[in-house]
Structures are given as C-alpha cells and as structure tokens.
Amino acid sequence: IEAIVKSARTGKIGDGKIFVTAVEHVVRIRTGETNE
C-alpha cells in the first residue's frame, strides 16, 4: 500500500483509491499449489 501511494500520488484531484479485501482461497492452476 505504501509503495502504491508513494508512486501514484501527484497531489492533484483524481489520484485514485486503494481497496483491500480478504482472500479466502488461492489455487495456482498449473501446479495445484494453494493459498500462500
């Protein structure tokens, strides 16, 4: 988040927003690895 804010900020209106949500489950299709 800090990296995004520092690199995206111009100080003018319309710089954007950041949304953070929880992810319950991740699967890598190629290998079948899950989560972390």
PDB file of all heavy atoms in Angstrom:
ATOM      1  N   ILE A   1       0.839  -1.204   0.000  1.00  0.00           N
ATOM      2  CA  ILE A   1       0.000   0.000   0.000  1.00  0.00           C
ATOM      3  C   ILE A   1       0.871   1.249   0.000  1.00  0.00           C
ATOM      4  O   ILE A   1       0.637   2.185  -0.764  1.00  0.00           O
ATOM      5  CB  ILE A   1      -0.962  -0.003   1.203  1.00  0.00           C
ATOM      6  CG1 ILE A   1      -2.022  -1.080   1.020  1.00  0.00           C
ATOM      7  CG2 ILE A   1      -1.617   1.367   1.384  1.00  0.00           C
ATOM      8  CD1 ILE A   1      -2.896  -1.306   2.237  1.00  0.00           C
ATOM      9  N   GLU A   2       1.900   1.252   0.828  1.00  0.00           N
ATOM     10  CA  GLU A   2       2.802   2.403   0.893  1.00  0.00           C
ATOM     11  C   GLU A   2       3.492   2.636  -0.452  1.00  0.00           C
ATOM     12  O   GLU A   2       3.617   3.770  -0.911  1.00  0.00           O
ATOM     13  CB  GLU A   2       3.847   2.171   1.985  1.00  0.00           C
ATOM     14  CG  GLU A   2       4.756   3.350   2.217  1.00  0.00           C
ATOM     15  CD  GLU A   2       5.743   3.090   3.343  1.00  0.00           C
ATOM     16  OE1 GLU A   2       5.403   2.344   4.277  1.00  0.00           O
ATOM     17  OE2 GLU A   2       6.853   3.648   3.265  1.00  0.00           O
ATOM     18  N   ALA A   3       3.911   1.570  -1.114  1.00  0.00           N
ATOM     19  CA  ALA A   3       4.562   1.683  -2.419  1.00  0.00           C
ATOM     20  C   ALA A   3       3.606   2.271  -3.457  1.00  0.00           C
ATOM     21  O   ALA A   3       3.998   3.129  -4.262  1.00  0.00           O
ATOM     22  CB  ALA A   3       5.059   0.308  -2.875  1.00  0.00           C
ATOM     23  N   ILE A   4       2.352   1.827  -3.439  1.00  0.00           N
ATOM     24  CA  ILE A   4       1.363   2.344  -4.394  1.00  0.00           C
ATOM     25  C   ILE A   4       1.107   3.820  -4.143  1.00  0.00           C
ATOM     26  O   ILE A   4       1.105   4.634  -5.069  1.00  0.00           O
ATOM     27  CB  ILE A   4       0.048   1.538  -4.317  1.00  0.00           C
ATOM     28  CG1 ILE A   4       0.267   0.101  -4.782  1.00  0.00           C
ATOM     29  CG2 ILE A   4      -1.042   2.208  -5.156  1.00  0.00           C
ATOM     30  CD1 ILE A   4      -0.886  -0.837  -4.473  1.00  0.00           C
ATOM     31  N   VAL A   5       0.890   4.185  -2.882  1.00  0.00           N
ATOM     32  CA  VAL A   5       0.588   5.582  -2.545  1.00  0.00           C
ATOM     33  C   VAL A   5       1.738   6.501  -2.956  1.00  0.00           C
ATOM     34  O   VAL A   5       1.532   7.530  -3.599  1.00  0.00           O
ATOM     35  CB  VAL A   5       0.267   5.728  -1.042  1.00  0.00           C
ATOM     36  CG1 VAL A   5       0.216   7.188  -0.634  1.00  0.00           C
ATOM     37  CG2 VAL A   5      -1.050   5.044  -0.715  1.00  0.00           C
ATOM     38  N   LYS A   6       2.960   6.118  -2.614  1.00  0.00           N
ATOM     39  CA  LYS A   6       4.114   6.967  -2.940  1.00  0.00           C
ATOM     40  C   LYS A   6       4.319   7.122  -4.440  1.00  0.00           C
ATOM     41  O   LYS A   6       4.653   8.196  -4.914  1.00  0.00           O
ATOM     42  CB  LYS A   6       5.390   6.389  -2.309  1.00  0.00           C
ATOM     43  CG  LYS A   6       5.517   6.667  -0.842  1.00  0.00           C
ATOM     44  CD  LYS A   6       6.839   6.152  -0.306  1.00  0.00           C
ATOM     45  CE  LYS A   6       6.987   6.472   1.171  1.00  0.00           C
ATOM     46  NZ  LYS A   6       8.221   5.912   1.729  1.00  0.00           N
ATOM     47  N   SER A   7       4.117   6.048  -5.189  1.00  0.00           N
ATOM     48  CA  SER A   7       4.388   6.099  -6.622  1.00  0.00           C
ATOM     49  C   SER A   7       3.234   6.664  -7.447  1.00  0.00           C
ATOM     50  O   SER A   7       3.445   7.177  -8.541  1.00  0.00           O
ATOM     51  CB  SER A   7       4.764   4.715  -7.140  1.00  0.00           C
ATOM     52  OG  SER A   7       3.740   3.793  -6.887  1.00  0.00           O
ATOM     53  N   ALA A   8       2.003   6.601  -6.938  1.00  0.00           N
ATOM     54  CA  ALA A   8       0.839   7.048  -7.708  1.00  0.00           C
ATOM     55  C   ALA A   8       0.420   8.476  -7.385  1.00  0.00           C
ATOM     56  O   ALA A   8      -0.336   9.082  -8.136  1.00  0.00           O
ATOM     57  CB  ALA A   8      -0.338   6.107  -7.480  1.00  0.00           C
ATOM     58  N   ARG A   9       0.893   9.018  -6.279  1.00  0.00           N
ATOM     59  CA  ARG A   9       0.438  10.343  -5.837  1.00  0.00           C
ATOM     60  C   ARG A   9       1.014  11.454  -6.709  1.00  0.00           C
ATOM     61  O   ARG A   9       2.202  11.525  -6.955  1.00  0.00           O
ATOM     62  CB  ARG A   9       0.841  10.582  -4.392  1.00  0.00           C
ATOM     63  CG  ARG A   9       0.441  11.964  -3.883  1.00  0.00           C
ATOM     64  CD  ARG A   9       0.835  12.182  -2.455  1.00  0.00           C
ATOM     65  NE  ARG A   9      -0.089  11.433  -1.597  1.00  0.00           N
ATOM     66  CZ  ARG A   9       0.245  10.896  -0.440  1.00  0.00           C
ATOM     67  NH1 ARG A   9       1.477  10.998   0.009  1.00  0.00           N
ATOM     68  NH2 ARG A   9      -0.659  10.263   0.267  1.00  0.00           N
ATOM     69  N   THR A  10       0.117  12.334  -7.180  1.00  0.00           N
ATOM     70  CA  THR A  10       0.541  13.554  -7.869  1.00  0.00           C
ATOM     71  C   THR A  10       0.189  14.775  -7.028  1.00  0.00           C
ATOM     72  O   THR A  10       0.687  15.854  -7.284  1.00  0.00           O
ATOM     73  CB  THR A  10      -0.154  13.710  -9.248  1.00  0.00           C
ATOM     74  OG1 THR A  10      -1.553  13.910  -9.049  1.00  0.00           O
ATOM     75  CG2 THR A  10       0.088  12.509 -10.134  1.00  0.00           C
ATOM     76  N   GLY A  11      -0.718  14.587  -6.071  1.00  0.00           N
ATOM     77  CA  GLY A  11      -1.164  15.696  -5.244  1.00  0.00           C
ATOM     78  C   GLY A  11      -2.356  16.431  -5.825  1.00  0.00           C
ATOM     79  O   GLY A  11      -2.858  17.383  -5.238  1.00  0.00           O
ATOM     80  N   LYS A  12      -2.827  15.983  -6.975  1.00  0.00           N
ATOM     81  CA  LYS A  12      -3.971  16.629  -7.624  1.00  0.00           C
ATOM     82  C   LYS A  12      -5.184  15.715  -7.514  1.00  0.00           C
ATOM     83  O   LYS A  12      -5.074  14.516  -7.289  1.00  0.00           O
ATOM     84  CB  LYS A  12      -3.646  16.907  -9.089  1.00  0.00           C
ATOM     85  CG  LYS A  12      -2.515  17.906  -9.271  1.00  0.00           C
ATOM     86  CD  LYS A  12      -2.308  18.208 -10.738  1.00  0.00           C
ATOM     87  CE  LYS A  12      -1.324  19.342 -10.924  1.00  0.00           C
ATOM     88  NZ  LYS A  12       0.052  18.975 -10.646  1.00  0.00           N
ATOM     89  N   ILE A  13      -6.354  16.298  -7.725  1.00  0.00           N
ATOM     90  CA  ILE A  13      -7.599  15.529  -7.668  1.00  0.00           C
ATOM     91  C   ILE A  13      -7.562  14.419  -8.717  1.00  0.00           C
ATOM     92  O   ILE A  13      -7.012  14.595  -9.804  1.00  0.00           O
ATOM     93  CB  ILE A  13      -8.820  16.459  -7.858  1.00  0.00           C
ATOM     94  CG1 ILE A  13     -10.089  15.733  -7.474  1.00  0.00           C
ATOM     95  CG2 ILE A  13      -8.878  17.009  -9.269  1.00  0.00           C
ATOM     96  CD1 ILE A  13     -11.277  16.660  -7.269  1.00  0.00           C
ATOM     97  N   GLY A  14      -8.113  13.272  -8.373  1.00  0.00           N
ATOM     98  CA  GLY A  14      -8.173  12.157  -9.311  1.00  0.00           C
ATOM     99  C   GLY A  14      -7.009  11.198  -9.217  1.00  0.00           C
ATOM    100  O   GLY A  14      -6.818  10.373 -10.103  1.00  0.00           O
ATOM    101  N   ASP A  15      -6.212  11.276  -8.145  1.00  0.00           N
ATOM    102  CA  ASP A  15      -5.072  10.367  -7.993  1.00  0.00           C
ATOM    103  C   ASP A  15      -5.511   8.923  -7.840  1.00  0.00           C
ATOM    104  O   ASP A  15      -4.771   8.007  -8.181  1.00  0.00           O
ATOM    105  CB  ASP A  15      -4.216  10.762  -6.790  1.00  0.00           C
ATOM    106  CG  ASP A  15      -3.193  11.826  -7.131  1.00  0.00           C
ATOM    107  OD1 ASP A  15      -3.025  12.142  -8.322  1.00  0.00           O
ATOM    108  OD2 ASP A  15      -2.555  12.338  -6.196  1.00  0.00           O
ATOM    109  N   GLY A  16      -6.709   8.676  -7.329  1.00  0.00           N
ATOM    110  CA  GLY A  16      -7.220   7.315  -7.260  1.00  0.00           C
ATOM    111  C   GLY A  16      -7.541   6.848  -5.863  1.00  0.00           C
ATOM    112  O   GLY A  16      -7.555   7.627  -4.902  1.00  0.00           O
ATOM    113  N   LYS A  17      -7.780   5.544  -5.761  1.00  0.00           N
ATOM    114  CA  LYS A  17      -8.150   4.921  -4.491  1.00  0.00           C
ATOM    115  C   LYS A  17      -7.525   3.544  -4.412  1.00  0.00           C
ATOM    116  O   LYS A  17      -7.188   2.939  -5.416  1.00  0.00           O
ATOM    117  CB  LYS A  17      -9.670   4.763  -4.400  1.00  0.00           C
ATOM    118  CG  LYS A  17     -10.430   6.049  -4.259  1.00  0.00           C
ATOM    119  CD  LYS A  17     -11.473   5.921  -3.167  1.00  0.00           C
ATOM    120  CE  LYS A  17     -12.145   7.222  -2.838  1.00  0.00           C
ATOM    121  NZ  LYS A  17     -12.606   8.029  -3.914  1.00  0.00           N
ATOM    122  N   ILE A  18      -7.417   3.039  -3.180  1.00  0.00           N
ATOM    123  CA  ILE A  18      -6.936   1.685  -2.940  1.00  0.00           C
ATOM    124  C   ILE A  18      -7.983   0.963  -2.100  1.00  0.00           C
ATOM    125  O   ILE A  18      -8.462   1.498  -1.100  1.00  0.00           O
ATOM    126  CB  ILE A  18      -5.588   1.688  -2.187  1.00  0.00           C
ATOM    127  CG1 ILE A  18      -4.523   2.389  -3.036  1.00  0.00           C
ATOM    128  CG2 ILE A  18      -5.164   0.270  -1.833  1.00  0.00           C
ATOM    129  CD1 ILE A  18      -3.206   2.576  -2.318  1.00  0.00           C
ATOM    130  N   PHE A  19      -8.333  -0.252  -2.525  1.00  0.00           N
ATOM    131  CA  PHE A  19      -9.285  -1.084  -1.796  1.00  0.00           C
ATOM    132  C   PHE A  19      -8.572  -2.370  -1.383  1.00  0.00           C
ATOM    133  O   PHE A  19      -7.882  -2.982  -2.196  1.00  0.00           O
ATOM    134  CB  PHE A  19     -10.493  -1.443  -2.668  1.00  0.00           C
ATOM    135  CG  PHE A  19     -11.186  -0.243  -3.244  1.00  0.00           C
ATOM    136  CD1 PHE A  19     -10.908   0.186  -4.534  1.00  0.00           C
ATOM    137  CD2 PHE A  19     -12.108   0.464  -2.498  1.00  0.00           C
ATOM    138  CE1 PHE A  19     -11.541   1.297  -5.073  1.00  0.00           C
ATOM    139  CE2 PHE A  19     -12.751   1.575  -3.030  1.00  0.00           C
ATOM    140  CZ  PHE A  19     -12.468   1.990  -4.313  1.00  0.00           C
ATOM    141  N   VAL A  20      -8.748  -2.786  -0.142  1.00  0.00           N
ATOM    142  CA  VAL A  20      -8.118  -4.005   0.352  1.00  0.00           C
ATOM    143  C   VAL A  20      -9.223  -4.944   0.840  1.00  0.00           C
ATOM    144  O   VAL A  20     -10.060  -4.548   1.650  1.00  0.00           O
ATOM    145  CB  VAL A  20      -7.135  -3.703   1.509  1.00  0.00           C
ATOM    146  CG1 VAL A  20      -6.474  -4.981   1.997  1.00  0.00           C
ATOM    147  CG2 VAL A  20      -6.097  -2.680   1.073  1.00  0.00           C
ATOM    148  N   THR A  21      -9.204  -6.166   0.334  1.00  0.00           N
ATOM    149  CA  THR A  21     -10.198  -7.158   0.738  1.00  0.00           C
ATOM    150  C   THR A  21      -9.506  -8.466   1.107  1.00  0.00           C
ATOM    151  O   THR A  21      -8.386  -8.735   0.675  1.00  0.00           O
ATOM    152  CB  THR A  21     -11.220  -7.434  -0.388  1.00  0.00           C
ATOM    153  OG1 THR A  21     -10.516  -7.834  -1.571  1.00  0.00           O
ATOM    154  CG2 THR A  21     -12.053  -6.215  -0.701  1.00  0.00           C
ATOM    155  N   ALA A  22     -10.183  -9.274   1.891  1.00  0.00           N
ATOM    156  CA  ALA A  22      -9.638 -10.569   2.296  1.00  0.00           C
ATOM    157  C   ALA A  22      -9.787 -11.576   1.162  1.00  0.00           C
ATOM    158  O   ALA A  22     -10.769 -11.558   0.426  1.00  0.00           O
ATOM    159  CB  ALA A  22     -10.362 -11.068   3.540  1.00  0.00           C
ATOM    160  N   VAL A  23      -8.810 -12.454   1.046  1.00  0.00           N
ATOM    161  CA  VAL A  23      -8.854 -13.538   0.066  1.00  0.00           C
ATOM    162  C   VAL A  23      -8.885 -14.845   0.849  1.00  0.00           C
ATOM    163  O   VAL A  23      -7.993 -15.115   1.653  1.00  0.00           O
ATOM    164  CB  VAL A  23      -7.628 -13.491  -0.875  1.00  0.00           C
ATOM    165  CG1 VAL A  23      -7.608 -14.701  -1.789  1.00  0.00           C
ATOM    166  CG2 VAL A  23      -7.632 -12.205  -1.680  1.00  0.00           C
ATOM    167  N   GLU A  24      -9.897 -15.640   0.616  1.00  0.00           N
ATOM    168  CA  GLU A  24     -10.066 -16.872   1.380  1.00  0.00           C
ATOM    169  C   GLU A  24      -9.250 -18.034   0.840  1.00  0.00           C
ATOM    170  O   GLU A  24      -8.736 -18.844   1.604  1.00  0.00           O
ATOM    171  CB  GLU A  24     -11.543 -17.269   1.405  1.00  0.00           C
ATOM    172  CG  GLU A  24     -12.390 -16.307   2.199  1.00  0.00           C
ATOM    173  CD  GLU A  24     -13.839 -16.744   2.254  1.00  0.00           C
ATOM    174  OE1 GLU A  24     -14.101 -17.965   2.111  1.00  0.00           O
ATOM    175  OE2 GLU A  24     -14.694 -15.890   2.439  1.00  0.00           O
ATOM    176  N   HIS A  25      -9.143 -18.135  -0.485  1.00  0.00           N
ATOM    177  CA  HIS A  25      -8.506 -19.315  -1.053  1.00  0.00           C
ATOM    178  C   HIS A  25      -7.888 -18.957  -2.398  1.00  0.00           C
ATOM    179  O   HIS A  25      -8.501 -18.252  -3.195  1.00  0.00           O
ATOM    180  CB  HIS A  25      -9.564 -20.415  -1.227  1.00  0.00           C
ATOM    181  CG  HIS A  25      -9.003 -21.763  -1.483  1.00  0.00           C
ATOM    182  ND1 HIS A  25      -8.270 -22.460  -0.558  1.00  0.00           N
ATOM    183  CD2 HIS A  25      -9.066 -22.556  -2.579  1.00  0.00           C
ATOM    184  CE1 HIS A  25      -7.918 -23.628  -1.071  1.00  0.00           C
ATOM    185  NE2 HIS A  25      -8.399 -23.706  -2.298  1.00  0.00           N
ATOM    186  N   VAL A  26      -6.675 -19.453  -2.653  1.00  0.00           N
ATOM    187  CA  VAL A  26      -5.991 -19.234  -3.925  1.00  0.00           C
ATOM    188  C   VAL A  26      -5.497 -20.575  -4.430  1.00  0.00           C
ATOM    189  O   VAL A  26      -4.981 -21.383  -3.658  1.00  0.00           O
ATOM    190  CB  VAL A  26      -4.779 -18.285  -3.757  1.00  0.00           C
ATOM    191  CG1 VAL A  26      -4.045 -18.109  -5.075  1.00  0.00           C
ATOM    192  CG2 VAL A  26      -5.216 -16.947  -3.215  1.00  0.00           C
ATOM    193  N   VAL A  27      -5.645 -20.823  -5.730  1.00  0.00           N
ATOM    194  CA  VAL A  27      -5.131 -22.050  -6.345  1.00  0.00           C
ATOM    195  C   VAL A  27      -4.344 -21.669  -7.589  1.00  0.00           C
ATOM    196  O   VAL A  27      -4.842 -20.935  -8.447  1.00  0.00           O
ATOM    197  CB  VAL A  27      -6.278 -23.011  -6.744  1.00  0.00           C
ATOM    198  CG1 VAL A  27      -5.728 -24.246  -7.451  1.00  0.00           C
ATOM    199  CG2 VAL A  27      -7.101 -23.403  -5.540  1.00  0.00           C
ATOM    200  N   ARG A  28      -3.099 -22.148  -7.674  1.00  0.00           N
ATOM    201  CA  ARG A  28      -2.321 -21.976  -8.900  1.00  0.00           C
ATOM    202  C   ARG A  28      -2.724 -23.111  -9.833  1.00  0.00           C
ATOM    203  O   ARG A  28      -2.536 -24.294  -9.509  1.00  0.00           O
ATOM    204  CB  ARG A  28      -0.824 -22.021  -8.606  1.00  0.00           C
ATOM    205  CG  ARG A  28       0.010 -21.821  -9.870  1.00  0.00           C
ATOM    206  CD  ARG A  28       1.443 -21.667  -9.537  1.00  0.00           C
ATOM    207  NE  ARG A  28       1.529 -20.559  -8.587  1.00  0.00           N
ATOM    208  CZ  ARG A  28       2.627 -19.917  -8.293  1.00  0.00           C
ATOM    209  NH1 ARG A  28       3.751 -20.257  -8.848  1.00  0.00           N
ATOM    210  NH2 ARG A  28       2.621 -18.931  -7.416  1.00  0.00           N
ATOM    211  N   ILE A  29      -3.269 -22.786 -10.972  1.00  0.00           N
ATOM    212  CA  ILE A  29      -3.830 -23.782 -11.885  1.00  0.00           C
ATOM    213  C   ILE A  29      -2.763 -24.753 -12.382  1.00  0.00           C
ATOM    214  O   ILE A  29      -2.985 -25.967 -12.400  1.00  0.00           O
ATOM    215  CB  ILE A  29      -4.540 -23.086 -13.065  1.00  0.00           C
ATOM    216  CG1 ILE A  29      -5.745 -22.306 -12.538  1.00  0.00           C
ATOM    217  CG2 ILE A  29      -4.943 -24.095 -14.129  1.00  0.00           C
ATOM    218  CD1 ILE A  29      -6.411 -21.423 -13.564  1.00  0.00           C
ATOM    219  N   ARG A  30      -1.607 -24.253 -12.766  1.00  0.00           N
ATOM    220  CA  ARG A  30      -0.562 -25.101 -13.356  1.00  0.00           C
ATOM    221  C   ARG A  30      -0.089 -26.192 -12.412  1.00  0.00           C
ATOM    222  O   ARG A  30       0.061 -27.353 -12.793  1.00  0.00           O
ATOM    223  CB  ARG A  30       0.628 -24.240 -13.790  1.00  0.00           C
ATOM    224  CG  ARG A  30       1.781 -25.031 -14.385  1.00  0.00           C
ATOM    225  CD  ARG A  30       2.899 -24.125 -14.868  1.00  0.00           C
ATOM    226  NE  ARG A  30       3.418 -23.247 -13.835  1.00  0.00           N
ATOM    227  CZ  ARG A  30       4.391 -23.567 -12.978  1.00  0.00           C
ATOM    228  NH1 ARG A  30       4.946 -24.754 -13.033  1.00  0.00           N
ATOM    229  NH2 ARG A  30       4.798 -22.694 -12.082  1.00  0.00           N
ATOM    230  N   THR A  31       0.166 -25.845 -11.139  1.00  0.00           N
ATOM    231  CA  THR A  31       0.780 -26.793 -10.205  1.00  0.00           C
ATOM    232  C   THR A  31      -0.184 -27.354  -9.163  1.00  0.00           C
ATOM    233  O   THR A  31       0.131 -28.335  -8.511  1.00  0.00           O
ATOM    234  CB  THR A  31       1.927 -26.109  -9.442  1.00  0.00           C
ATOM    235  OG1 THR A  31       1.392 -25.032  -8.684  1.00  0.00           O
ATOM    236  CG2 THR A  31       2.997 -25.623 -10.388  1.00  0.00           C
ATOM    237  N   GLY A  32      -1.308 -26.711  -8.983  1.00  0.00           N
ATOM    238  CA  GLY A  32      -2.250 -27.136  -7.960  1.00  0.00           C
ATOM    239  C   GLY A  32      -1.900 -26.603  -6.574  1.00  0.00           C
ATOM    240  O   GLY A  32      -2.574 -26.922  -5.607  1.00  0.00           O
ATOM    241  N   GLU A  33      -0.852 -25.776  -6.478  1.00  0.00           N
ATOM    242  CA  GLU A  33      -0.491 -25.182  -5.185  1.00  0.00           C
ATOM    243  C   GLU A  33      -1.648 -24.327  -4.695  1.00  0.00           C
ATOM    244  O   GLU A  33      -2.384 -23.741  -5.491  1.00  0.00           O
ATOM    245  CB  GLU A  33       0.755 -24.302  -5.332  1.00  0.00           C
ATOM    246  CG  GLU A  33       2.020 -25.069  -5.680  1.00  0.00           C
ATOM    247  CD  GLU A  33       3.169 -24.142  -6.023  1.00  0.00           C
ATOM    248  OE1 GLU A  33       3.000 -23.306  -6.924  1.00  0.00           O
ATOM    249  OE2 GLU A  33       4.213 -24.254  -5.368  1.00  0.00           O
ATOM    250  N   THR A  34      -1.773 -24.254  -3.364  1.00  0.00           N
ATOM    251  CA  THR A  34      -2.870 -23.474  -2.809  1.00  0.00           C
ATOM    252  C   THR A  34      -2.358 -22.421  -1.829  1.00  0.00           C
ATOM    253  O   THR A  34      -1.261 -22.522  -1.284  1.00  0.00           O
ATOM    254  CB  THR A  34      -3.874 -24.383  -2.089  1.00  0.00           C
ATOM    255  OG1 THR A  34      -3.206 -25.058  -1.019  1.00  0.00           O
ATOM    256  CG2 THR A  34      -4.503 -25.388  -3.032  1.00  0.00           C
ATOM    257  N   ASN A  35      -3.194 -21.425  -1.622  1.00  0.00           N
ATOM    258  CA  ASN A  35      -3.001 -20.356  -0.656  1.00  0.00           C
ATOM    259  C   ASN A  35      -1.623 -19.685  -0.724  1.00  0.00           C
ATOM    260  O   ASN A  35      -1.239 -19.236  -1.791  1.00  0.00           O
ATOM    261  CB  ASN A  35      -3.363 -20.831   0.741  1.00  0.00           C
ATOM    262  CG  ASN A  35      -4.822 -21.236   0.806  1.00  0.00           C
ATOM    263  OD1 ASN A  35      -5.661 -20.633   0.125  1.00  0.00           O
ATOM    264  ND2 ASN A  35      -5.153 -22.232   1.584  1.00  0.00           N
ATOM    265  N   GLU A  36      -0.867 -19.629   0.372  1.00  0.00           N
ATOM    266  CA  GLU A  36       0.404 -18.896   0.409  1.00  0.00           C
ATOM    267  C   GLU A  36       1.373 -19.360  -0.682  1.00  0.00           C
ATOM    268  O   GLU A  36       2.054 -18.564  -1.299  1.00  0.00           O
ATOM    269  CB  GLU A  36       1.075 -19.027   1.779  1.00  0.00           C
ATOM    270  CG  GLU A  36       0.245 -18.556   2.942  1.00  0.00           C
ATOM    271  CD  GLU A  36       0.374 -17.069   3.195  1.00  0.00           C
ATOM    272  OE1 GLU A  36       1.436 -16.505   2.918  1.00  0.00           O
ATOM    273  OE2 GLU A  36      -0.600 -16.482   3.683  1.00  0.00           O
TER     274      GLU A  36
END
